[in-house]
Amino acid sequence: MEEAGEARLTEHQRKWLARVQACEVSGMSVAAYASEHGFPVRAMYDAKKVLVRKGVLPHSGALKRGSVVR
């Protein structure tokens, strides 16, 4: 069953969602995963950025919104 966010994705975005999730499960670095699967590293980061913006993937940066740095 699809989650609500996934229902709003295009086929292209679903393909990249599957790739991003597979990369995370693999334990490989993004660069290694992209190289092994024959697509540019930049494409993976760009796709992840779109998917985070759509609310399908969580933000995974070092600093999340609302974080306080002291």
N, C-alpha and C. Protein backbone atom coordinates (compact mmCIF):
# COMPACT_ATOMS: atom_id res chain seq x y z
N MET A 1 0.84 -1.18 0.00
CA MET A 1 0.00 0.00 0.00
C MET A 1 0.88 1.24 0.00
N GLU A 2 0.52 2.23 -0.83
CA GLU A 2 1.30 3.45 -0.92
C GLU A 2 0.99 4.38 0.24
N GLU A 3 2.01 5.09 0.69
CA GLU A 3 1.79 6.13 1.69
C GLU A 3 1.28 7.37 0.96
N ALA A 4 0.69 8.29 1.67
CA ALA A 4 0.09 9.48 1.07
C ALA A 4 1.09 10.26 0.22
N GLY A 5 2.32 10.45 0.72
CA GLY A 5 3.32 11.19 -0.03
C GLY A 5 3.71 10.51 -1.33
N GLU A 6 3.77 9.18 -1.30
CA GLU A 6 4.15 8.44 -2.50
C GLU A 6 3.09 8.54 -3.59
N ALA A 7 1.84 8.71 -3.22
CA ALA A 7 0.76 8.80 -4.20
C ALA A 7 0.91 10.05 -5.06
N ARG A 8 1.58 11.08 -4.54
CA ARG A 8 1.74 12.34 -5.29
C ARG A 8 2.98 12.33 -6.18
N LEU A 9 3.71 11.26 -6.21
CA LEU A 9 4.95 11.21 -6.97
C LEU A 9 4.71 10.80 -8.42
N THR A 10 5.54 11.36 -9.29
CA THR A 10 5.53 10.91 -10.68
C THR A 10 6.24 9.57 -10.76
N GLU A 11 6.13 8.91 -11.87
CA GLU A 11 6.82 7.63 -12.06
C GLU A 11 8.34 7.83 -11.92
N HIS A 12 8.84 8.91 -12.47
CA HIS A 12 10.27 9.24 -12.39
C HIS A 12 10.70 9.41 -10.93
N GLN A 13 9.88 10.13 -10.16
CA GLN A 13 10.20 10.34 -8.74
C GLN A 13 10.12 9.03 -7.96
N ARG A 14 9.19 8.15 -8.31
CA ARG A 14 9.10 6.85 -7.63
C ARG A 14 10.36 6.02 -7.90
N LYS A 15 10.85 6.10 -9.13
CA LYS A 15 12.08 5.39 -9.49
C LYS A 15 13.25 5.88 -8.63
N TRP A 16 13.36 7.20 -8.47
CA TRP A 16 14.44 7.75 -7.67
C TRP A 16 14.25 7.47 -6.19
N LEU A 17 13.02 7.44 -5.72
CA LEU A 17 12.75 7.08 -4.34
C LEU A 17 13.26 5.66 -4.07
N ALA A 18 12.97 4.75 -4.99
CA ALA A 18 13.44 3.37 -4.84
C ALA A 18 14.96 3.32 -4.82
N ARG A 19 15.61 4.12 -5.66
CA ARG A 19 17.08 4.14 -5.69
C ARG A 19 17.66 4.70 -4.39
N VAL A 20 17.09 5.79 -3.90
CA VAL A 20 17.57 6.39 -2.65
C VAL A 20 17.40 5.41 -1.50
N GLN A 21 16.26 4.76 -1.43
CA GLN A 21 16.01 3.80 -0.36
C GLN A 21 16.95 2.60 -0.48
N ALA A 22 17.17 2.12 -1.69
CA ALA A 22 18.08 0.99 -1.90
C ALA A 22 19.50 1.35 -1.51
N CYS A 23 19.90 2.58 -1.81
CA CYS A 23 21.24 3.04 -1.43
C CYS A 23 21.38 3.05 0.09
N GLU A 24 20.37 3.57 0.78
CA GLU A 24 20.43 3.62 2.24
C GLU A 24 20.49 2.22 2.85
N VAL A 25 19.72 1.30 2.30
CA VAL A 25 19.70 -0.08 2.82
C VAL A 25 21.03 -0.78 2.53
N SER A 26 21.65 -0.44 1.40
CA SER A 26 22.89 -1.11 1.00
C SER A 26 24.05 -0.82 1.94
N GLY A 27 24.00 0.32 2.60
CA GLY A 27 25.11 0.71 3.46
C GLY A 27 26.27 1.32 2.70
N MET A 28 26.13 1.42 1.38
CA MET A 28 27.19 2.00 0.55
C MET A 28 27.10 3.52 0.61
N SER A 29 28.19 4.18 0.28
CA SER A 29 28.14 5.63 0.14
C SER A 29 27.33 5.95 -1.10
N VAL A 30 26.82 7.17 -1.16
CA VAL A 30 26.05 7.59 -2.33
C VAL A 30 26.93 7.51 -3.58
N ALA A 31 28.17 7.94 -3.47
CA ALA A 31 29.07 7.91 -4.62
C ALA A 31 29.31 6.48 -5.11
N ALA A 32 29.54 5.57 -4.19
CA ALA A 32 29.79 4.17 -4.57
C ALA A 32 28.54 3.55 -5.18
N TYR A 33 27.38 3.81 -4.59
CA TYR A 33 26.14 3.25 -5.10
C TYR A 33 25.84 3.77 -6.50
N ALA A 34 25.98 5.09 -6.68
CA ALA A 34 25.73 5.68 -7.99
C ALA A 34 26.68 5.13 -9.04
N SER A 35 27.95 5.02 -8.69
CA SER A 35 28.94 4.49 -9.62
C SER A 35 28.62 3.05 -10.02
N GLU A 36 28.26 2.25 -9.02
CA GLU A 36 27.96 0.84 -9.28
C GLU A 36 26.71 0.66 -10.15
N HIS A 37 25.77 1.61 -10.04
CA HIS A 37 24.52 1.49 -10.77
C HIS A 37 24.45 2.38 -12.01
N GLY A 38 25.53 3.08 -12.30
CA GLY A 38 25.65 3.80 -13.57
C GLY A 38 24.87 5.10 -13.71
N PHE A 39 24.74 5.85 -12.64
CA PHE A 39 24.14 7.16 -12.78
C PHE A 39 24.96 8.19 -12.00
N PRO A 40 24.84 9.46 -12.36
CA PRO A 40 25.65 10.50 -11.71
C PRO A 40 25.28 10.68 -10.24
N VAL A 41 26.28 10.89 -9.42
CA VAL A 41 26.08 11.14 -7.99
C VAL A 41 25.15 12.34 -7.80
N ARG A 42 25.37 13.37 -8.57
CA ARG A 42 24.57 14.60 -8.47
C ARG A 42 23.08 14.29 -8.65
N ALA A 43 22.76 13.35 -9.53
CA ALA A 43 21.36 12.99 -9.77
C ALA A 43 20.72 12.42 -8.51
N MET A 44 21.48 11.64 -7.77
CA MET A 44 20.97 11.05 -6.52
C MET A 44 20.68 12.15 -5.50
N TYR A 45 21.63 13.08 -5.34
CA TYR A 45 21.42 14.17 -4.39
C TYR A 45 20.26 15.07 -4.82
N ASP A 46 20.16 15.36 -6.10
CA ASP A 46 19.06 16.20 -6.59
C ASP A 46 17.71 15.52 -6.36
N ALA A 47 17.64 14.22 -6.63
CA ALA A 47 16.40 13.48 -6.43
C ALA A 47 16.03 13.45 -4.95
N LYS A 48 17.01 13.21 -4.09
CA LYS A 48 16.73 13.16 -2.66
C LYS A 48 16.22 14.51 -2.17
N LYS A 49 16.79 15.59 -2.68
CA LYS A 49 16.37 16.93 -2.29
C LYS A 49 14.89 17.16 -2.64
N VAL A 50 14.49 16.73 -3.82
CA VAL A 50 13.09 16.86 -4.25
C VAL A 50 12.19 16.02 -3.36
N LEU A 51 12.60 14.80 -3.07
CA LEU A 51 11.78 13.89 -2.27
C LEU A 51 11.64 14.38 -0.82
N VAL A 52 12.69 14.99 -0.30
CA VAL A 52 12.61 15.58 1.05
C VAL A 52 11.64 16.75 1.02
N ARG A 53 11.75 17.59 0.00
CA ARG A 53 10.87 18.75 -0.12
C ARG A 53 9.40 18.33 -0.22
N LYS A 54 9.14 17.21 -0.88
CA LYS A 54 7.77 16.70 -1.01
C LYS A 54 7.29 16.00 0.26
N GLY A 55 8.18 15.80 1.22
CA GLY A 55 7.80 15.18 2.48
C GLY A 55 7.79 13.67 2.45
N VAL A 56 8.37 13.08 1.41
CA VAL A 56 8.40 11.62 1.27
C VAL A 56 9.58 11.03 2.03
N LEU A 57 10.69 11.76 2.09
CA LEU A 57 11.87 11.34 2.84
C LEU A 57 12.13 12.34 3.94
N PRO A 58 12.67 11.87 5.06
CA PRO A 58 13.01 12.80 6.14
C PRO A 58 14.26 13.61 5.79
N HIS A 59 14.34 14.80 6.35
CA HIS A 59 15.55 15.61 6.19
C HIS A 59 16.65 14.94 6.99
N SER A 60 17.80 14.72 6.37
CA SER A 60 18.85 13.98 7.07
C SER A 60 20.14 14.78 7.22
N GLY A 61 20.04 16.09 7.14
CA GLY A 61 21.23 16.92 7.29
C GLY A 61 21.74 16.91 8.71
N ALA A 62 22.96 17.42 8.91
CA ALA A 62 23.56 17.46 10.23
C ALA A 62 22.76 18.35 11.16
N LEU A 63 22.26 19.45 10.63
CA LEU A 63 21.42 20.34 11.43
C LEU A 63 20.01 20.29 10.88
N LYS A 64 19.07 19.98 11.72
CA LYS A 64 17.68 19.95 11.31
C LYS A 64 17.03 21.25 11.76
N ARG A 65 15.96 21.61 11.10
CA ARG A 65 15.24 22.82 11.49
C ARG A 65 14.88 22.75 12.96
N GLY A 66 15.08 23.87 13.61
CA GLY A 66 14.75 23.92 15.02
C GLY A 66 15.91 23.55 15.92
N SER A 67 17.01 23.08 15.35
CA SER A 67 18.18 22.72 16.15
C SER A 67 18.84 23.99 16.67
N VAL A 68 19.34 23.93 17.86
CA VAL A 68 20.02 25.07 18.46
C VAL A 68 21.49 24.71 18.57
N VAL A 69 22.34 25.58 18.05
CA VAL A 69 23.78 25.38 18.12
C VAL A 69 24.32 26.36 19.16
N ARG A 70 25.04 25.84 20.13
CA ARG A 70 25.61 26.72 21.17
C ARG A 70 27.10 26.59 21.19
